Amino acid sequence: MSKMDTKDFIIGTVIGGIIGASAAMLTAPKSGKELRSDINKQANTAKDKTIELTNSAKEKGNEYSKLAKEKSGEWTEAAREQWGRVSDRTSRLTDKAADLGDDLSTDIKDLVEEEKGEGEKLAKQVIQEIEDTRDKLKEEASEVKSSK
């Protein structure tokens, strides 16, 4: 099935109106001269109405076309603005994430260095305690040997 457009509908309506009016006039009890005069009047009326409807349809078509162009321009601009906001926000978030990553990396390096220093200090303390314990054991062993 084909799609009927507005132009075909208007033409069909006008032709149907003309045929209906002609049939009504032909069945009316009038003289030939009066009937021809009425038919001419109805034909002129139908012609004027057709021209009026055609012009109205063209005007409406132009209005809708203009409105569609304006709206599409507005929507395009709104989409561009929204994309710009999203893009800016994404850039800021990416920069912030990079800064946080750099800060975290620096903090981890600092902690490793601190722990390294603390580990060395602890190792020296343990070594000192071992040496002190060894020296005490040597003294005690020497005392035990001398007491025998």
C-alpha atoms as a PDB file:
ATOM      1  CA  MET A   1       0.000   0.000   0.000  1.00  0.00           C
ATOM      2  CA  SER A   2       1.270   3.437  -0.834  1.00  0.00           C
ATOM      3  CA  LYS A   3       1.249   6.283   1.597  1.00  0.00           C
ATOM      4  CA  MET A   4      -1.284   9.020   0.818  1.00  0.00           C
ATOM      5  CA  ASP A   5       0.125  12.518   1.184  1.00  0.00           C
ATOM      6  CA  THR A   6      -1.718  15.736   1.982  1.00  0.00           C
ATOM      7  CA  LYS A   7      -1.743  17.000  -1.600  1.00  0.00           C
ATOM      8  CA  ASP A   8      -3.532  13.874  -2.881  1.00  0.00           C
ATOM      9  CA  PHE A   9      -6.048  14.091  -0.037  1.00  0.00           C
ATOM     10  CA  ILE A  10      -6.883  17.742  -0.786  1.00  0.00           C
ATOM     11  CA  ILE A  11      -7.245  17.082  -4.515  1.00  0.00           C
ATOM     12  CA  GLY A  12      -9.520  14.100  -3.808  1.00  0.00           C
ATOM     13  CA  THR A  13     -11.626  16.131  -1.403  1.00  0.00           C
ATOM     14  CA  VAL A  14     -12.067  18.978  -3.909  1.00  0.00           C
ATOM     15  CA  ILE A  15     -12.943  16.635  -6.777  1.00  0.00           C
ATOM     16  CA  GLY A  16     -15.393  14.749  -4.559  1.00  0.00           C
ATOM     17  CA  GLY A  17     -16.977  18.025  -3.525  1.00  0.00           C
ATOM     18  CA  ILE A  18     -17.331  19.116  -7.157  1.00  0.00           C
ATOM     19  CA  ILE A  19     -18.892  15.807  -8.182  1.00  0.00           C
ATOM     20  CA  GLY A  20     -21.267  15.859  -5.206  1.00  0.00           C
ATOM     21  CA  ALA A  21     -22.320  19.450  -5.875  1.00  0.00           C
ATOM     22  CA  SER A  22     -22.796  18.718  -9.583  1.00  0.00           C
ATOM     23  CA  ALA A  23     -24.930  15.670  -8.834  1.00  0.00           C
ATOM     24  CA  ALA A  24     -27.029  17.688  -6.413  1.00  0.00           C
ATOM     25  CA  MET A  25     -27.572  20.446  -8.989  1.00  0.00           C
ATOM     26  CA  LEU A  26     -28.388  18.049 -11.780  1.00  0.00           C
ATOM     27  CA  THR A  27     -31.087  16.399  -9.714  1.00  0.00           C
ATOM     28  CA  ALA A  28     -32.570  19.708  -8.582  1.00  0.00           C
ATOM     29  CA  PRO A  29     -35.644  20.984 -10.432  1.00  0.00           C
ATOM     30  CA  LYS A  30     -34.127  24.027 -12.210  1.00  0.00           C
ATOM     31  CA  SER A  31     -34.018  25.310 -15.759  1.00  0.00           C
ATOM     32  CA  GLY A  32     -30.900  24.641 -17.869  1.00  0.00           C
ATOM     33  CA  LYS A  33     -29.762  28.239 -17.704  1.00  0.00           C
ATOM     34  CA  GLU A  34     -30.105  28.392 -13.924  1.00  0.00           C
ATOM     35  CA  LEU A  35     -28.413  25.001 -13.579  1.00  0.00           C
ATOM     36  CA  ARG A  36     -25.431  26.057 -15.729  1.00  0.00           C
ATOM     37  CA  SER A  37     -25.137  29.272 -13.755  1.00  0.00           C
ATOM     38  CA  ASP A  38     -25.177  27.356 -10.464  1.00  0.00           C
ATOM     39  CA  ILE A  39     -22.605  24.875 -11.796  1.00  0.00           C
ATOM     40  CA  ASN A  40     -20.304  27.739 -12.851  1.00  0.00           C
ATOM     41  CA  LYS A  41     -20.674  29.386  -9.459  1.00  0.00           C
ATOM     42  CA  GLN A  42     -19.926  26.105  -7.676  1.00  0.00           C
ATOM     43  CA  ALA A  43     -16.945  25.436  -9.947  1.00  0.00           C
ATOM     44  CA  ASN A  44     -15.549  28.911  -9.265  1.00  0.00           C
ATOM     45  CA  THR A  45     -16.154  28.456  -5.551  1.00  0.00           C
ATOM     46  CA  ALA A  46     -14.387  25.072  -5.654  1.00  0.00           C
ATOM     47  CA  LYS A  47     -11.512  26.578  -7.653  1.00  0.00           C
ATOM     48  CA  ASP A  48     -11.133  29.452  -5.152  1.00  0.00           C
ATOM     49  CA  LYS A  49     -11.324  27.025  -2.228  1.00  0.00           C
ATOM     50  CA  THR A  50      -8.674  24.807  -3.856  1.00  0.00           C
ATOM     51  CA  ILE A  51      -6.346  27.772  -4.350  1.00  0.00           C
ATOM     52  CA  GLU A  52      -6.949  28.887  -0.769  1.00  0.00           C
ATOM     53  CA  LEU A  53      -6.266  25.404   0.641  1.00  0.00           C
ATOM     54  CA  THR A  54      -3.137  25.023  -1.524  1.00  0.00           C
ATOM     55  CA  ASN A  55      -1.754  28.355  -0.349  1.00  0.00           C
ATOM     56  CA  SER A  56      -2.578  27.503   3.254  1.00  0.00           C
ATOM     57  CA  ALA A  57      -0.834  24.134   2.929  1.00  0.00           C
ATOM     58  CA  LYS A  58       2.255  25.806   1.429  1.00  0.00           C
ATOM     59  CA  GLU A  59       2.360  28.385   4.236  1.00  0.00           C
ATOM     60  CA  LYS A  60       2.015  25.708   6.908  1.00  0.00           C
ATOM     61  CA  GLY A  61       4.709  23.633   5.198  1.00  0.00           C
ATOM     62  CA  ASN A  62       7.057  26.621   5.182  1.00  0.00           C
ATOM     63  CA  GLU A  63       6.284  27.390   8.840  1.00  0.00           C
ATOM     64  CA  TYR A  64       6.946  23.787   9.882  1.00  0.00           C
ATOM     65  CA  SER A  65      10.132  23.673   7.829  1.00  0.00           C
ATOM     66  CA  LYS A  66      11.390  26.891   9.423  1.00  0.00           C
ATOM     67  CA  LEU A  67      10.452  25.656  12.902  1.00  0.00           C
ATOM     68  CA  ALA A  68      12.234  22.329  12.289  1.00  0.00           C
ATOM     69  CA  LYS A  69      15.390  24.149  11.176  1.00  0.00           C
ATOM     70  CA  GLU A  70      15.319  26.417  14.243  1.00  0.00           C
ATOM     71  CA  LYS A  71      14.734  23.519  16.635  1.00  0.00           C
ATOM     72  CA  SER A  72      17.440  21.372  15.064  1.00  0.00           C
ATOM     73  CA  GLY A  73      19.871  24.286  15.407  1.00  0.00           C
ATOM     74  CA  GLU A  74      18.911  24.772  19.053  1.00  0.00           C
ATOM     75  CA  TRP A  75      19.250  21.058  19.782  1.00  0.00           C
ATOM     76  CA  THR A  76      22.586  20.895  18.012  1.00  0.00           C
ATOM     77  CA  GLU A  77      23.884  23.822  20.060  1.00  0.00           C
ATOM     78  CA  ALA A  78      22.561  22.307  23.298  1.00  0.00           C
ATOM     79  CA  ALA A  79      24.273  19.011  22.455  1.00  0.00           C
ATOM     80  CA  ARG A  80      27.550  20.828  21.745  1.00  0.00           C
ATOM     81  CA  GLU A  81      27.359  22.701  25.053  1.00  0.00           C
ATOM     82  CA  GLN A  82      26.597  19.500  26.957  1.00  0.00           C
ATOM     83  CA  TRP A  83      29.479  17.702  25.229  1.00  0.00           C
ATOM     84  CA  GLY A  84      31.794  20.590  26.126  1.00  0.00           C
ATOM     85  CA  ARG A  85      30.775  20.372  29.788  1.00  0.00           C
ATOM     86  CA  VAL A  86      31.274  16.609  29.832  1.00  0.00           C
ATOM     87  CA  SER A  87      34.633  16.941  28.086  1.00  0.00           C
ATOM     88  CA  ASP A  88      35.840  19.627  30.516  1.00  0.00           C
ATOM     89  CA  ARG A  89      34.723  17.590  33.510  1.00  0.00           C
ATOM     90  CA  THR A  90      36.448  14.500  32.165  1.00  0.00           C
ATOM     91  CA  SER A  91      39.663  16.447  31.638  1.00  0.00           C
ATOM     92  CA  ARG A  92      39.535  17.830  35.179  1.00  0.00           C
ATOM     93  CA  LEU A  93      38.888  14.387  36.636  1.00  0.00           C
ATOM     94  CA  THR A  94      41.729  12.889  34.595  1.00  0.00           C
ATOM     95  CA  ASP A  95      44.101  15.610  35.777  1.00  0.00           C
ATOM     96  CA  LYS A  96      42.967  15.117  39.370  1.00  0.00           C
ATOM     97  CA  ALA A  97      43.505  11.352  39.116  1.00  0.00           C
ATOM     98  CA  ALA A  98      46.995  11.901  37.697  1.00  0.00           C
ATOM     99  CA  ASP A  99      47.823  14.312  40.543  1.00  0.00           C
ATOM    100  CA  LEU A 100      46.532  11.841  43.122  1.00  0.00           C
ATOM    101  CA  GLY A 101      48.604   9.084  41.501  1.00  0.00           C
ATOM    102  CA  ASP A 102      51.718  11.273  41.670  1.00  0.00           C
ATOM    103  CA  ASP A 103      51.016  12.150  45.322  1.00  0.00           C
ATOM    104  CA  LEU A 104      50.473   8.493  46.194  1.00  0.00           C
ATOM    105  CA  SER A 105      53.690   7.475  44.458  1.00  0.00           C
ATOM    106  CA  THR A 106      55.640  10.136  46.366  1.00  0.00           C
ATOM    107  CA  ASP A 107      54.051   9.076  49.673  1.00  0.00           C
ATOM    108  CA  ILE A 108      54.953   5.430  49.056  1.00  0.00           C
ATOM    109  CA  LYS A 109      58.564   6.331  48.223  1.00  0.00           C
ATOM    110  CA  ASP A 110      58.766   8.404  51.411  1.00  0.00           C
ATOM    111  CA  LEU A 111      57.351   5.560  53.486  1.00  0.00           C
ATOM    112  CA  VAL A 112      59.813   3.086  51.976  1.00  0.00           C
ATOM    113  CA  GLU A 113      62.699   5.412  52.801  1.00  0.00           C
ATOM    114  CA  GLU A 114      61.404   5.923  56.351  1.00  0.00           C
ATOM    115  CA  GLU A 115      60.948   2.192  56.876  1.00  0.00           C
ATOM    116  CA  LYS A 116      64.360   1.540  55.401  1.00  0.00           C
ATOM    117  CA  GLY A 117      65.897   3.915  57.963  1.00  0.00           C
ATOM    118  CA  GLU A 118      63.815   2.391  60.773  1.00  0.00           C
ATOM    119  CA  GLY A 119      64.844  -1.103  59.651  1.00  0.00           C
ATOM    120  CA  GLU A 120      68.523  -0.194  59.699  1.00  0.00           C
ATOM    121  CA  LYS A 121      68.167   1.343  63.150  1.00  0.00           C
ATOM    122  CA  LEU A 122      66.351  -1.757  64.442  1.00  0.00           C
ATOM    123  CA  ALA A 123      68.980  -4.060  62.900  1.00  0.00           C
ATOM    124  CA  LYS A 124      71.776  -2.115  64.623  1.00  0.00           C
ATOM    125  CA  GLN A 125      69.948  -2.398  67.958  1.00  0.00           C
ATOM    126  CA  VAL A 126      69.527  -6.149  67.509  1.00  0.00           C
ATOM    127  CA  ILE A 127      73.206  -6.548  66.580  1.00  0.00           C
ATOM    128  CA  GLN A 128      74.231  -4.506  69.627  1.00  0.00           C
ATOM    129  CA  GLU A 129      72.065  -6.649  71.916  1.00  0.00           C
ATOM    130  CA  ILE A 130      73.543  -9.819  70.412  1.00  0.00           C
ATOM    131  CA  GLU A 131      77.064  -8.497  70.945  1.00  0.00           C
ATOM    132  CA  ASP A 132      76.234  -7.473  74.539  1.00  0.00           C
ATOM    133  CA  THR A 133      74.767 -10.916  75.223  1.00  0.00           C
ATOM    134  CA  ARG A 134      77.844 -12.580  73.706  1.00  0.00           C
ATOM    135  CA  ASP A 135      80.155 -10.488  75.850  1.00  0.00           C
ATOM    136  CA  LYS A 136      78.172 -11.420  79.012  1.00  0.00           C
ATOM    137  CA  LEU A 137      78.300 -15.085  78.066  1.00  0.00           C
ATOM    138  CA  LYS A 138      82.061 -14.857  77.530  1.00  0.00           C
ATOM    139  CA  GLU A 139      82.480 -13.268  80.949  1.00  0.00           C
ATOM    140  CA  GLU A 140      80.331 -15.899  82.603  1.00  0.00           C
ATOM    141  CA  ALA A 141      82.234 -18.674  80.790  1.00  0.00           C
ATOM    142  CA  SER A 142      85.509 -17.220  81.947  1.00  0.00           C
ATOM    143  CA  GLU A 143      84.245 -17.000  85.520  1.00  0.00           C
ATOM    144  CA  VAL A 144      83.108 -20.599  85.354  1.00  0.00           C
ATOM    145  CA  LYS A 145      86.560 -21.678  84.053  1.00  0.00           C
ATOM    146  CA  SER A 146      88.384 -19.723  86.688  1.00  0.00           C
ATOM    147  CA  SER A 147      86.252 -21.123  89.465  1.00  0.00           C
ATOM    148  CA  LYS A 148      87.211 -24.697  88.536  1.00  0.00           C
END
